[in-house]
Amino acid sequence: MQKLDEFIQRYPLRKFDKDQILLVQDERPRDIFYVKSGFIKGYDINVDGIEQHIWLGAKSDIIPYEWLFSAVDSTQLFYSAFTALEVYVVNRQELIEFFGANPDVLLHVAHDLASKLSELTEKLTATEKPKASEKIVYMLNILAKRFGDENEAGDKAEINVPLTQQDIANLLGLTRETVATELKKLKDKGYVYYDKWQFVVHTDKIAELM
């Protein structure tokens, strides 16, 4: 939204390298981060020290949303740069006052929050599927909708996040070996194409599996 972008751009810009941490779990933030470019991940770490990815953010996302409106006193997740990242560092109180003076912008943010809730609900649905193959199909569909660039025919979507098989495993709580096996089956049947960090989902075909 142009009005929000113009307000945000008054604040200092900070750059993070891939995997550099912005916020740790249970930290009391000082400011809000607004993504200018790159991708950011929100994740938990289980008792075995393994990352469990909860959320991926992109341009115009606000972090941490859970702290912005004082729903919590501290961050619920770890946040780090999934790729090279640029964020504006915004004073929370000034941002809230801006929302109060611009209800149209606040409505835009409310719609964005509703979209994030829908994405998390879809991700929960994916992780609760009984079979690993189903989990992966649902996650590829989510990623294609959230981060995909469709072709002209509308039957393929290239996911524009540089994902590895381990990243997909972390999103679903699966092992990389399981993900590799199931992705190969999907690739052999023409549901998805992948090569290193590139994933192209045949959205028309994969819908048949859902």
N, C-alpha and C. Protein backbone atom coordinates (compact mmCIF):
# COMPACT_ATOMS: atom_id res chain seq x y z
N MET A 1 0.85 -1.19 0.00
CA MET A 1 0.00 0.00 0.00
C MET A 1 0.89 1.24 0.00
N GLN A 2 0.66 2.16 -0.94
CA GLN A 2 1.57 3.28 -1.13
C GLN A 2 1.68 4.17 0.10
N LYS A 3 0.56 4.46 0.74
CA LYS A 3 0.59 5.34 1.91
C LYS A 3 1.44 4.74 3.04
N LEU A 4 1.28 3.45 3.25
CA LEU A 4 2.07 2.78 4.28
C LEU A 4 3.54 2.74 3.89
N ASP A 5 3.81 2.43 2.62
CA ASP A 5 5.21 2.38 2.17
C ASP A 5 5.89 3.73 2.34
N GLU A 6 5.20 4.81 2.02
CA GLU A 6 5.79 6.15 2.14
C GLU A 6 6.11 6.47 3.59
N PHE A 7 5.23 6.03 4.50
CA PHE A 7 5.49 6.26 5.93
C PHE A 7 6.69 5.43 6.39
N ILE A 8 6.73 4.18 6.01
CA ILE A 8 7.79 3.26 6.44
C ILE A 8 9.16 3.72 5.95
N GLN A 9 9.21 4.27 4.75
CA GLN A 9 10.48 4.63 4.14
C GLN A 9 11.18 5.81 4.82
N ARG A 10 10.53 6.41 5.80
CA ARG A 10 11.17 7.46 6.59
C ARG A 10 12.16 6.88 7.60
N TYR A 11 12.08 5.59 7.83
CA TYR A 11 12.88 4.97 8.89
C TYR A 11 14.16 4.35 8.33
N PRO A 12 15.14 4.09 9.22
CA PRO A 12 16.43 3.55 8.74
C PRO A 12 16.29 2.14 8.16
N LEU A 13 17.12 1.88 7.17
CA LEU A 13 17.14 0.58 6.50
C LEU A 13 18.31 -0.23 7.05
N ARG A 14 18.05 -1.49 7.34
CA ARG A 14 19.09 -2.37 7.88
C ARG A 14 19.18 -3.61 7.01
N LYS A 15 20.40 -4.09 6.78
CA LYS A 15 20.63 -5.27 5.96
C LYS A 15 21.09 -6.44 6.81
N PHE A 16 20.61 -7.63 6.46
CA PHE A 16 21.00 -8.86 7.15
C PHE A 16 21.48 -9.87 6.12
N ASP A 17 22.52 -10.61 6.46
CA ASP A 17 22.98 -11.71 5.62
C ASP A 17 22.12 -12.94 5.85
N LYS A 18 22.13 -13.86 4.91
CA LYS A 18 21.40 -15.12 5.04
C LYS A 18 21.76 -15.79 6.36
N ASP A 19 20.73 -16.24 7.08
CA ASP A 19 20.83 -16.94 8.37
C ASP A 19 21.16 -16.02 9.54
N GLN A 20 21.35 -14.74 9.31
CA GLN A 20 21.59 -13.82 10.42
C GLN A 20 20.30 -13.63 11.22
N ILE A 21 20.40 -13.67 12.53
CA ILE A 21 19.22 -13.61 13.39
C ILE A 21 18.79 -12.16 13.62
N LEU A 22 17.48 -11.93 13.49
CA LEU A 22 16.91 -10.62 13.79
C LEU A 22 16.39 -10.58 15.22
N LEU A 23 15.68 -11.63 15.61
CA LEU A 23 15.08 -11.70 16.95
C LEU A 23 15.15 -13.13 17.44
N VAL A 24 15.37 -13.30 18.75
CA VAL A 24 15.35 -14.63 19.33
C VAL A 24 14.03 -14.82 20.08
N GLN A 25 13.68 -16.06 20.28
CA GLN A 25 12.44 -16.39 20.98
C GLN A 25 12.46 -15.82 22.39
N ASP A 26 11.31 -15.26 22.80
CA ASP A 26 11.12 -14.66 24.13
C ASP A 26 11.85 -13.33 24.31
N GLU A 27 12.38 -12.78 23.23
CA GLU A 27 13.02 -11.47 23.30
C GLU A 27 11.96 -10.38 23.37
N ARG A 28 12.25 -9.32 24.09
CA ARG A 28 11.39 -8.14 24.12
C ARG A 28 11.89 -7.17 23.04
N PRO A 29 11.21 -7.09 21.91
CA PRO A 29 11.72 -6.27 20.80
C PRO A 29 11.77 -4.79 21.15
N ARG A 30 12.63 -4.08 20.45
CA ARG A 30 12.70 -2.63 20.61
C ARG A 30 11.93 -1.94 19.49
N ASP A 31 11.88 -2.57 18.31
CA ASP A 31 11.26 -1.96 17.14
C ASP A 31 10.56 -3.02 16.30
N ILE A 32 9.85 -2.52 15.30
CA ILE A 32 9.19 -3.37 14.31
C ILE A 32 10.08 -3.44 13.06
N PHE A 33 10.11 -4.60 12.42
CA PHE A 33 10.82 -4.76 11.15
C PHE A 33 9.80 -4.85 10.02
N TYR A 34 10.04 -4.10 8.97
CA TYR A 34 9.18 -4.10 7.78
C TYR A 34 10.05 -4.50 6.60
N VAL A 35 9.71 -5.61 5.95
CA VAL A 35 10.58 -6.19 4.92
C VAL A 35 10.53 -5.36 3.64
N LYS A 36 11.70 -4.92 3.19
CA LYS A 36 11.82 -4.23 1.91
C LYS A 36 12.12 -5.23 0.79
N SER A 37 13.06 -6.15 1.04
CA SER A 37 13.41 -7.15 0.03
C SER A 37 13.99 -8.38 0.71
N GLY A 38 13.90 -9.51 0.01
CA GLY A 38 14.39 -10.76 0.57
C GLY A 38 13.30 -11.52 1.29
N PHE A 39 13.71 -12.61 1.95
CA PHE A 39 12.77 -13.47 2.66
C PHE A 39 13.24 -13.68 4.09
N ILE A 40 12.28 -13.83 4.98
CA ILE A 40 12.56 -14.00 6.40
C ILE A 40 11.80 -15.23 6.90
N LYS A 41 12.36 -15.93 7.87
CA LYS A 41 11.68 -17.11 8.40
C LYS A 41 11.45 -16.95 9.91
N GLY A 42 10.30 -17.46 10.35
CA GLY A 42 10.00 -17.57 11.76
C GLY A 42 10.00 -19.04 12.12
N TYR A 43 10.70 -19.40 13.18
CA TYR A 43 10.86 -20.83 13.48
C TYR A 43 11.01 -21.07 14.98
N ASP A 44 10.78 -22.32 15.35
CA ASP A 44 11.00 -22.81 16.71
C ASP A 44 12.17 -23.79 16.65
N ILE A 45 12.74 -24.13 17.78
CA ILE A 45 13.79 -25.15 17.85
C ILE A 45 13.34 -26.21 18.84
N ASN A 46 13.26 -27.46 18.38
CA ASN A 46 12.75 -28.52 19.27
C ASN A 46 13.83 -28.99 20.25
N VAL A 47 13.48 -29.95 21.08
CA VAL A 47 14.39 -30.41 22.13
C VAL A 47 15.65 -31.06 21.58
N ASP A 48 15.60 -31.51 20.31
CA ASP A 48 16.77 -32.10 19.67
C ASP A 48 17.62 -31.07 18.94
N GLY A 49 17.23 -29.79 19.07
CA GLY A 49 17.99 -28.73 18.42
C GLY A 49 17.70 -28.57 16.94
N ILE A 50 16.59 -29.15 16.47
CA ILE A 50 16.23 -29.07 15.06
C ILE A 50 15.26 -27.92 14.82
N GLU A 51 15.52 -27.14 13.78
CA GLU A 51 14.63 -26.04 13.43
C GLU A 51 13.31 -26.56 12.90
N GLN A 52 12.22 -25.97 13.37
CA GLN A 52 10.90 -26.27 12.85
C GLN A 52 10.33 -24.96 12.29
N HIS A 53 10.33 -24.85 10.98
CA HIS A 53 9.90 -23.61 10.34
C HIS A 53 8.39 -23.44 10.49
N ILE A 54 7.98 -22.31 10.99
CA ILE A 54 6.56 -22.03 11.18
C ILE A 54 6.02 -21.14 10.08
N TRP A 55 6.86 -20.22 9.60
CA TRP A 55 6.34 -19.16 8.73
C TRP A 55 7.46 -18.61 7.87
N LEU A 56 7.13 -18.25 6.63
CA LEU A 56 8.05 -17.56 5.73
C LEU A 56 7.44 -16.21 5.36
N GLY A 57 8.24 -15.17 5.45
CA GLY A 57 7.76 -13.83 5.12
C GLY A 57 8.52 -13.24 3.95
N ALA A 58 7.90 -12.24 3.32
CA ALA A 58 8.48 -11.63 2.12
C ALA A 58 8.24 -10.11 2.16
N LYS A 59 8.41 -9.46 1.02
CA LYS A 59 8.29 -8.02 0.90
C LYS A 59 6.97 -7.52 1.50
N SER A 60 7.06 -6.44 2.29
CA SER A 60 5.94 -5.75 2.93
C SER A 60 5.41 -6.46 4.17
N ASP A 61 6.02 -7.58 4.57
CA ASP A 61 5.60 -8.23 5.81
C ASP A 61 6.15 -7.47 7.01
N ILE A 62 5.40 -7.52 8.10
CA ILE A 62 5.75 -6.84 9.34
C ILE A 62 6.13 -7.90 10.37
N ILE A 63 7.25 -7.69 11.07
CA ILE A 63 7.73 -8.65 12.06
C ILE A 63 8.13 -7.90 13.33
N PRO A 64 7.76 -8.38 14.51
CA PRO A 64 6.85 -9.51 14.73
C PRO A 64 5.40 -9.02 14.88
N TYR A 65 4.52 -9.58 14.08
CA TYR A 65 3.11 -9.20 14.12
C TYR A 65 2.52 -9.42 15.51
N GLU A 66 2.94 -10.50 16.17
CA GLU A 66 2.33 -10.84 17.46
C GLU A 66 2.63 -9.80 18.54
N TRP A 67 3.67 -9.00 18.32
CA TRP A 67 4.05 -7.98 19.30
C TRP A 67 3.54 -6.59 18.90
N LEU A 68 3.25 -6.40 17.63
CA LEU A 68 2.88 -5.09 17.12
C LEU A 68 1.73 -4.47 17.89
N PHE A 69 0.65 -5.24 18.11
CA PHE A 69 -0.53 -4.72 18.78
C PHE A 69 -0.60 -5.17 20.24
N SER A 70 0.57 -5.50 20.81
CA SER A 70 0.68 -5.85 22.23
C SER A 70 -0.10 -7.10 22.62
N ALA A 71 -0.26 -8.03 21.68
CA ALA A 71 -0.91 -9.30 22.01
C ALA A 71 -0.03 -10.11 22.96
N VAL A 72 1.28 -9.92 22.84
CA VAL A 72 2.24 -10.59 23.72
C VAL A 72 3.32 -9.58 24.09
N ASP A 73 4.08 -9.88 25.15
CA ASP A 73 5.15 -8.99 25.59
C ASP A 73 6.48 -9.30 24.93
N SER A 74 6.60 -10.48 24.36
CA SER A 74 7.86 -10.89 23.76
C SER A 74 7.59 -11.74 22.51
N THR A 75 8.63 -12.00 21.75
CA THR A 75 8.47 -12.76 20.52
C THR A 75 8.19 -14.23 20.82
N GLN A 76 7.34 -14.84 20.01
CA GLN A 76 6.99 -16.24 20.19
C GLN A 76 7.89 -17.18 19.38
N LEU A 77 8.62 -16.62 18.41
CA LEU A 77 9.45 -17.42 17.53
C LEU A 77 10.85 -16.81 17.43
N PHE A 78 11.77 -17.56 16.85
CA PHE A 78 13.02 -17.00 16.36
C PHE A 78 12.75 -16.44 14.97
N TYR A 79 13.39 -15.32 14.64
CA TYR A 79 13.29 -14.75 13.30
C TYR A 79 14.70 -14.55 12.75
N SER A 80 14.93 -15.07 11.53
CA SER A 80 16.23 -14.86 10.90
C SER A 80 16.06 -14.69 9.40
N ALA A 81 17.12 -14.22 8.77
CA ALA A 81 17.08 -13.97 7.33
C ALA A 81 17.14 -15.30 6.59
N PHE A 82 16.13 -15.60 5.80
CA PHE A 82 16.10 -16.82 5.00
C PHE A 82 16.98 -16.66 3.76
N THR A 83 17.05 -15.43 3.27
CA THR A 83 17.97 -15.03 2.20
C THR A 83 18.60 -13.71 2.64
N ALA A 84 19.45 -13.13 1.81
CA ALA A 84 19.88 -11.76 2.08
C ALA A 84 18.63 -10.91 2.24
N LEU A 85 18.63 -10.03 3.22
CA LEU A 85 17.39 -9.38 3.64
C LEU A 85 17.63 -7.90 3.91
N GLU A 86 16.63 -7.08 3.51
CA GLU A 86 16.63 -5.66 3.85
C GLU A 86 15.32 -5.35 4.57
N VAL A 87 15.43 -4.69 5.72
CA VAL A 87 14.23 -4.34 6.49
C VAL A 87 14.33 -2.89 6.97
N TYR A 88 13.18 -2.23 7.03
CA TYR A 88 13.11 -0.95 7.69
C TYR A 88 12.89 -1.18 9.18
N VAL A 89 13.58 -0.40 10.00
CA VAL A 89 13.45 -0.52 11.46
C VAL A 89 12.54 0.60 11.93
N VAL A 90 11.32 0.23 12.38
CA VAL A 90 10.24 1.19 12.60
C VAL A 90 9.86 1.24 14.08
N ASN A 91 9.69 2.44 14.59
CA ASN A 91 9.23 2.62 15.96
C ASN A 91 7.78 2.13 16.10
N ARG A 92 7.55 1.22 17.03
CA ARG A 92 6.22 0.61 17.13
C ARG A 92 5.15 1.63 17.49
N GLN A 93 5.39 2.48 18.47
CA GLN A 93 4.38 3.44 18.91
C GLN A 93 4.02 4.41 17.80
N GLU A 94 5.02 4.86 17.06
CA GLU A 94 4.75 5.77 15.95
C GLU A 94 3.95 5.07 14.85
N LEU A 95 4.22 3.79 14.63
CA LEU A 95 3.47 3.03 13.64
C LEU A 95 2.01 2.87 14.07
N ILE A 96 1.78 2.57 15.33
CA ILE A 96 0.41 2.43 15.84
C ILE A 96 -0.34 3.75 15.74
N GLU A 97 0.33 4.85 16.06
CA GLU A 97 -0.30 6.17 15.93
C GLU A 97 -0.64 6.47 14.47
N PHE A 98 0.22 6.04 13.57
CA PHE A 98 -0.04 6.22 12.13
C PHE A 98 -1.28 5.43 11.73
N PHE A 99 -1.42 4.21 12.22
CA PHE A 99 -2.62 3.42 11.94
C PHE A 99 -3.86 4.11 12.46
N GLY A 100 -3.76 4.68 13.67
CA GLY A 100 -4.90 5.36 14.27
C GLY A 100 -5.35 6.55 13.45
N ALA A 101 -4.40 7.23 12.81
CA ALA A 101 -4.73 8.41 12.00
C ALA A 101 -5.12 8.04 10.57
N ASN A 102 -4.91 6.78 10.19
CA ASN A 102 -5.19 6.34 8.82
C ASN A 102 -5.94 5.00 8.85
N PRO A 103 -7.24 5.04 9.13
CA PRO A 103 -8.01 3.78 9.25
C PRO A 103 -7.99 2.94 7.98
N ASP A 104 -7.82 3.55 6.82
CA ASP A 104 -7.75 2.76 5.58
C ASP A 104 -6.51 1.88 5.58
N VAL A 105 -5.39 2.40 6.11
CA VAL A 105 -4.17 1.61 6.22
C VAL A 105 -4.35 0.49 7.24
N LEU A 106 -4.99 0.81 8.35
CA LEU A 106 -5.24 -0.20 9.38
C LEU A 106 -6.11 -1.33 8.83
N LEU A 107 -7.09 -0.98 8.00
CA LEU A 107 -7.93 -2.01 7.39
C LEU A 107 -7.10 -2.90 6.47
N HIS A 108 -6.20 -2.28 5.73
CA HIS A 108 -5.29 -3.04 4.86
C HIS A 108 -4.46 -4.02 5.69
N VAL A 109 -3.96 -3.58 6.83
CA VAL A 109 -3.16 -4.44 7.71
C VAL A 109 -4.02 -5.56 8.28
N ALA A 110 -5.27 -5.24 8.63
CA ALA A 110 -6.18 -6.26 9.15
C ALA A 110 -6.43 -7.35 8.10
N HIS A 111 -6.60 -6.94 6.83
CA HIS A 111 -6.76 -7.92 5.76
C HIS A 111 -5.51 -8.79 5.63
N ASP A 112 -4.35 -8.17 5.77
CA ASP A 112 -3.09 -8.91 5.68
C ASP A 112 -2.97 -9.91 6.82
N LEU A 113 -3.38 -9.50 8.02
CA LEU A 113 -3.36 -10.41 9.17
C LEU A 113 -4.30 -11.59 8.96
N ALA A 114 -5.46 -11.32 8.38
CA ALA A 114 -6.41 -12.40 8.09
C ALA A 114 -5.80 -13.38 7.09
N SER A 115 -5.07 -12.86 6.11
CA SER A 115 -4.41 -13.71 5.12
C SER A 115 -3.34 -14.57 5.79
N LYS A 116 -2.58 -13.98 6.72
CA LYS A 116 -1.55 -14.74 7.43
C LYS A 116 -2.19 -15.85 8.25
N LEU A 117 -3.31 -15.56 8.90
CA LEU A 117 -4.00 -16.58 9.69
C LEU A 117 -4.47 -17.72 8.80
N SER A 118 -4.98 -17.37 7.63
CA SER A 118 -5.42 -18.39 6.67
C SER A 118 -4.24 -19.27 6.24
N GLU A 119 -3.08 -18.66 5.99
CA GLU A 119 -1.89 -19.41 5.59
C GLU A 119 -1.46 -20.37 6.69
N LEU A 120 -1.49 -19.89 7.94
CA LEU A 120 -1.09 -20.75 9.06
C LEU A 120 -2.07 -21.90 9.24
N THR A 121 -3.36 -21.63 9.01
CA THR A 121 -4.36 -22.69 9.08
C THR A 121 -4.11 -23.74 8.01
N GLU A 122 -3.77 -23.29 6.80
CA GLU A 122 -3.47 -24.22 5.70
C GLU A 122 -2.22 -25.03 6.02
N LYS A 123 -1.22 -24.37 6.62
CA LYS A 123 0.00 -25.08 6.98
C LYS A 123 -0.30 -26.14 8.05
N LEU A 124 -1.12 -25.78 9.02
CA LEU A 124 -1.50 -26.75 10.05
C LEU A 124 -2.22 -27.93 9.42
N THR A 125 -3.10 -27.66 8.46
CA THR A 125 -3.78 -28.74 7.74
C THR A 125 -2.78 -29.65 7.05
N ALA A 126 -1.75 -29.06 6.44
CA ALA A 126 -0.73 -29.85 5.76
C ALA A 126 0.02 -30.74 6.74
N THR A 127 0.44 -30.18 7.85
CA THR A 127 1.24 -30.96 8.81
C THR A 127 0.43 -32.05 9.49
N GLU A 128 -0.89 -31.90 9.54
CA GLU A 128 -1.73 -32.89 10.20
C GLU A 128 -2.16 -34.02 9.28
N LYS A 129 -1.82 -33.95 8.00
CA LYS A 129 -2.16 -35.04 7.10
C LYS A 129 -1.43 -36.31 7.53
N PRO A 130 -2.07 -37.48 7.44
CA PRO A 130 -1.47 -38.71 7.98
C PRO A 130 -0.26 -39.22 7.21
N LYS A 131 -0.19 -38.96 5.90
CA LYS A 131 0.89 -39.48 5.09
C LYS A 131 1.86 -38.37 4.69
N ALA A 132 3.15 -38.73 4.63
CA ALA A 132 4.16 -37.75 4.22
C ALA A 132 3.89 -37.22 2.83
N SER A 133 3.42 -38.07 1.93
CA SER A 133 3.13 -37.63 0.57
C SER A 133 2.05 -36.56 0.55
N GLU A 134 1.03 -36.72 1.39
CA GLU A 134 -0.05 -35.72 1.47
C GLU A 134 0.46 -34.41 2.05
N LYS A 135 1.29 -34.51 3.09
CA LYS A 135 1.85 -33.30 3.70
C LYS A 135 2.60 -32.48 2.65
N ILE A 136 3.40 -33.16 1.84
CA ILE A 136 4.23 -32.47 0.85
C ILE A 136 3.37 -31.85 -0.25
N VAL A 137 2.37 -32.57 -0.70
CA VAL A 137 1.46 -32.05 -1.73
C VAL A 137 0.79 -30.77 -1.25
N TYR A 138 0.27 -30.80 -0.03
CA TYR A 138 -0.41 -29.62 0.50
C TYR A 138 0.57 -28.46 0.70
N MET A 139 1.79 -28.76 1.15
CA MET A 139 2.77 -27.69 1.36
C MET A 139 3.19 -27.07 0.03
N LEU A 140 3.39 -27.88 -1.00
CA LEU A 140 3.74 -27.33 -2.31
C LEU A 140 2.63 -26.43 -2.84
N ASN A 141 1.39 -26.81 -2.59
CA ASN A 141 0.26 -25.98 -3.02
C ASN A 141 0.25 -24.65 -2.28
N ILE A 142 0.53 -24.69 -0.97
CA ILE A 142 0.58 -23.47 -0.17
C ILE A 142 1.69 -22.54 -0.68
N LEU A 143 2.87 -23.10 -0.90
CA LEU A 143 4.01 -22.30 -1.36
C LEU A 143 3.77 -21.72 -2.75
N ALA A 144 3.11 -22.51 -3.60
CA ALA A 144 2.81 -22.02 -4.95
C ALA A 144 1.84 -20.85 -4.90
N LYS A 145 0.85 -20.92 -4.02
CA LYS A 145 -0.11 -19.82 -3.89
C LYS A 145 0.52 -18.58 -3.27
N ARG A 146 1.38 -18.79 -2.27
CA ARG A 146 1.95 -17.67 -1.52
C ARG A 146 3.10 -17.00 -2.27
N PHE A 147 3.95 -17.82 -2.88
CA PHE A 147 5.18 -17.29 -3.47
C PHE A 147 5.34 -17.62 -4.95
N GLY A 148 4.29 -18.17 -5.59
CA GLY A 148 4.44 -18.64 -6.96
C GLY A 148 4.21 -17.59 -8.03
N ASP A 149 4.99 -17.69 -9.10
CA ASP A 149 4.78 -16.89 -10.31
C ASP A 149 4.16 -17.82 -11.35
N GLU A 150 2.89 -17.55 -11.70
CA GLU A 150 2.19 -18.42 -12.66
C GLU A 150 2.64 -18.15 -14.09
N ASN A 151 2.59 -19.18 -14.91
CA ASN A 151 2.80 -18.99 -16.34
C ASN A 151 1.52 -18.46 -16.98
N GLU A 152 1.59 -18.14 -18.26
CA GLU A 152 0.44 -17.53 -18.94
C GLU A 152 -0.77 -18.46 -18.96
N ALA A 153 -0.53 -19.74 -19.06
CA ALA A 153 -1.63 -20.70 -19.10
C ALA A 153 -2.28 -20.91 -17.74
N GLY A 154 -1.57 -20.51 -16.68
CA GLY A 154 -2.12 -20.65 -15.34
C GLY A 154 -2.10 -22.07 -14.80
N ASP A 155 -1.30 -22.95 -15.42
CA ASP A 155 -1.26 -24.33 -14.95
C ASP A 155 0.06 -24.70 -14.26
N LYS A 156 0.99 -23.74 -14.19
CA LYS A 156 2.26 -23.95 -13.50
C LYS A 156 2.59 -22.70 -12.67
N ALA A 157 3.29 -22.92 -11.58
CA ALA A 157 3.74 -21.80 -10.75
C ALA A 157 5.16 -22.08 -10.27
N GLU A 158 6.06 -21.16 -10.57
CA GLU A 158 7.43 -21.28 -10.08
C GLU A 158 7.52 -20.60 -8.72
N ILE A 159 7.93 -21.35 -7.72
CA ILE A 159 8.06 -20.79 -6.37
C ILE A 159 9.31 -19.93 -6.33
N ASN A 160 9.13 -18.64 -6.07
CA ASN A 160 10.27 -17.72 -6.16
C ASN A 160 11.03 -17.55 -4.85
N VAL A 161 10.98 -18.58 -4.00
CA VAL A 161 11.81 -18.64 -2.80
C VAL A 161 12.85 -19.73 -3.03
N PRO A 162 14.12 -19.47 -2.75
CA PRO A 162 15.15 -20.51 -2.96
C PRO A 162 15.07 -21.59 -1.88
N LEU A 163 14.23 -22.59 -2.11
CA LEU A 163 13.98 -23.65 -1.13
C LEU A 163 14.83 -24.88 -1.42
N THR A 164 15.29 -25.52 -0.36
CA THR A 164 15.93 -26.83 -0.48
C THR A 164 14.97 -27.90 0.02
N GLN A 165 15.31 -29.14 -0.22
CA GLN A 165 14.50 -30.23 0.31
C GLN A 165 14.51 -30.21 1.84
N GLN A 166 15.62 -29.78 2.44
CA GLN A 166 15.68 -29.67 3.89
C GLN A 166 14.73 -28.60 4.40
N ASP A 167 14.60 -27.51 3.66
CA ASP A 167 13.66 -26.45 4.07
C ASP A 167 12.23 -26.98 4.10
N ILE A 168 11.85 -27.75 3.09
CA ILE A 168 10.50 -28.33 3.06
C ILE A 168 10.33 -29.31 4.20
N ALA A 169 11.38 -30.09 4.48
CA ALA A 169 11.34 -31.00 5.62
C ALA A 169 11.13 -30.24 6.93
N ASN A 170 11.84 -29.12 7.08
CA ASN A 170 11.70 -28.32 8.30
C ASN A 170 10.31 -27.70 8.44
N LEU A 171 9.70 -27.37 7.31
CA LEU A 171 8.35 -26.81 7.35
C LEU A 171 7.31 -27.84 7.78
N LEU A 172 7.60 -29.11 7.53
CA LEU A 172 6.61 -30.16 7.77
C LEU A 172 6.96 -31.10 8.91
N GLY A 173 8.15 -30.94 9.49
CA GLY A 173 8.55 -31.84 10.56
C GLY A 173 8.88 -33.23 10.05
N LEU A 174 9.39 -33.32 8.81
CA LEU A 174 9.78 -34.59 8.21
C LEU A 174 11.30 -34.64 8.08
N THR A 175 11.84 -35.82 7.76
CA THR A 175 13.26 -35.92 7.47
C THR A 175 13.52 -35.54 6.02
N ARG A 176 14.73 -35.11 5.76
CA ARG A 176 15.07 -34.74 4.38
C ARG A 176 14.97 -35.94 3.45
N GLU A 177 15.35 -37.12 3.97
CA GLU A 177 15.31 -38.33 3.16
C GLU A 177 13.88 -38.66 2.73
N THR A 178 12.93 -38.49 3.65
CA THR A 178 11.53 -38.75 3.32
C THR A 178 11.04 -37.77 2.26
N VAL A 179 11.38 -36.50 2.43
CA VAL A 179 10.98 -35.48 1.46
C VAL A 179 11.59 -35.78 0.09
N ALA A 180 12.86 -36.15 0.07
CA ALA A 180 13.54 -36.45 -1.20
C ALA A 180 12.84 -37.60 -1.93
N THR A 181 12.48 -38.62 -1.18
CA THR A 181 11.81 -39.79 -1.78
C THR A 181 10.46 -39.41 -2.37
N GLU A 182 9.66 -38.68 -1.60
CA GLU A 182 8.31 -38.33 -2.05
C GLU A 182 8.34 -37.30 -3.19
N LEU A 183 9.30 -36.38 -3.15
CA LEU A 183 9.40 -35.40 -4.23
C LEU A 183 9.78 -36.07 -5.55
N LYS A 184 10.65 -37.08 -5.46
CA LYS A 184 11.03 -37.80 -6.69
C LYS A 184 9.81 -38.49 -7.31
N LYS A 185 8.95 -39.06 -6.47
CA LYS A 185 7.74 -39.70 -6.98
C LYS A 185 6.86 -38.67 -7.69
N LEU A 186 6.72 -37.50 -7.07
CA LEU A 186 5.90 -36.45 -7.67
C LEU A 186 6.51 -35.94 -8.96
N LYS A 187 7.84 -35.83 -8.97
CA LYS A 187 8.53 -35.37 -10.18
C LYS A 187 8.36 -36.38 -11.31
N ASP A 188 8.52 -37.66 -11.00
CA ASP A 188 8.40 -38.70 -12.02
C ASP A 188 7.00 -38.75 -12.62
N LYS A 189 5.99 -38.36 -11.83
CA LYS A 189 4.61 -38.39 -12.31
C LYS A 189 4.17 -37.06 -12.93
N GLY A 190 5.10 -36.08 -12.96
CA GLY A 190 4.81 -34.82 -13.63
C GLY A 190 4.05 -33.80 -12.81
N TYR A 191 4.05 -33.97 -11.47
CA TYR A 191 3.34 -33.01 -10.61
C TYR A 191 4.22 -31.81 -10.24
N VAL A 192 5.52 -32.03 -10.22
CA VAL A 192 6.43 -30.96 -9.82
C VAL A 192 7.76 -31.15 -10.54
N TYR A 193 8.44 -30.04 -10.79
CA TYR A 193 9.80 -30.07 -11.30
C TYR A 193 10.68 -29.35 -10.29
N TYR A 194 11.85 -29.88 -10.01
CA TYR A 194 12.76 -29.18 -9.11
C TYR A 194 14.20 -29.45 -9.52
N ASP A 195 15.04 -28.48 -9.20
CA ASP A 195 16.47 -28.58 -9.50
C ASP A 195 17.20 -27.65 -8.54
N LYS A 196 17.90 -28.22 -7.58
CA LYS A 196 18.57 -27.46 -6.52
C LYS A 196 17.54 -26.61 -5.77
N TRP A 197 17.56 -25.27 -5.98
CA TRP A 197 16.66 -24.40 -5.22
C TRP A 197 15.42 -23.98 -5.99
N GLN A 198 15.22 -24.53 -7.15
CA GLN A 198 14.08 -24.14 -7.98
C GLN A 198 12.99 -25.21 -7.92
N PHE A 199 11.76 -24.76 -7.66
CA PHE A 199 10.60 -25.66 -7.66
C PHE A 199 9.53 -25.06 -8.56
N VAL A 200 9.04 -25.88 -9.48
CA VAL A 200 7.92 -25.50 -10.33
C VAL A 200 6.79 -26.49 -10.08
N VAL A 201 5.66 -25.98 -9.63
CA VAL A 201 4.53 -26.82 -9.30
C VAL A 201 3.52 -26.80 -10.44
N HIS A 202 3.13 -27.97 -10.92
CA HIS A 202 2.06 -28.08 -11.92
C HIS A 202 0.74 -28.01 -11.15
N THR A 203 0.26 -26.80 -10.95
CA THR A 203 -0.86 -26.56 -10.04
C THR A 203 -2.14 -27.26 -10.49
N ASP A 204 -2.34 -27.39 -11.79
CA ASP A 204 -3.55 -28.07 -12.25
C ASP A 204 -3.52 -29.55 -11.92
N LYS A 205 -2.35 -30.17 -12.05
CA LYS A 205 -2.22 -31.59 -11.78
C LYS A 205 -2.23 -31.88 -10.27
N ILE A 206 -1.50 -31.05 -9.52
CA ILE A 206 -1.36 -31.33 -8.09
C ILE A 206 -2.71 -31.15 -7.37
N ALA A 207 -3.57 -30.34 -7.94
CA ALA A 207 -4.92 -30.16 -7.34
C ALA A 207 -5.69 -31.47 -7.33
N GLU A 208 -5.36 -32.35 -8.26
CA GLU A 208 -6.04 -33.65 -8.33
C GLU A 208 -5.72 -34.53 -7.12
N LEU A 209 -4.62 -34.24 -6.43
CA LEU A 209 -4.19 -35.05 -5.29
C LEU A 209 -4.72 -34.53 -3.97
N MET A 210 -5.43 -33.42 -3.99
CA MET A 210 -5.88 -32.79 -2.75
C MET A 210 -7.38 -33.04 -2.51
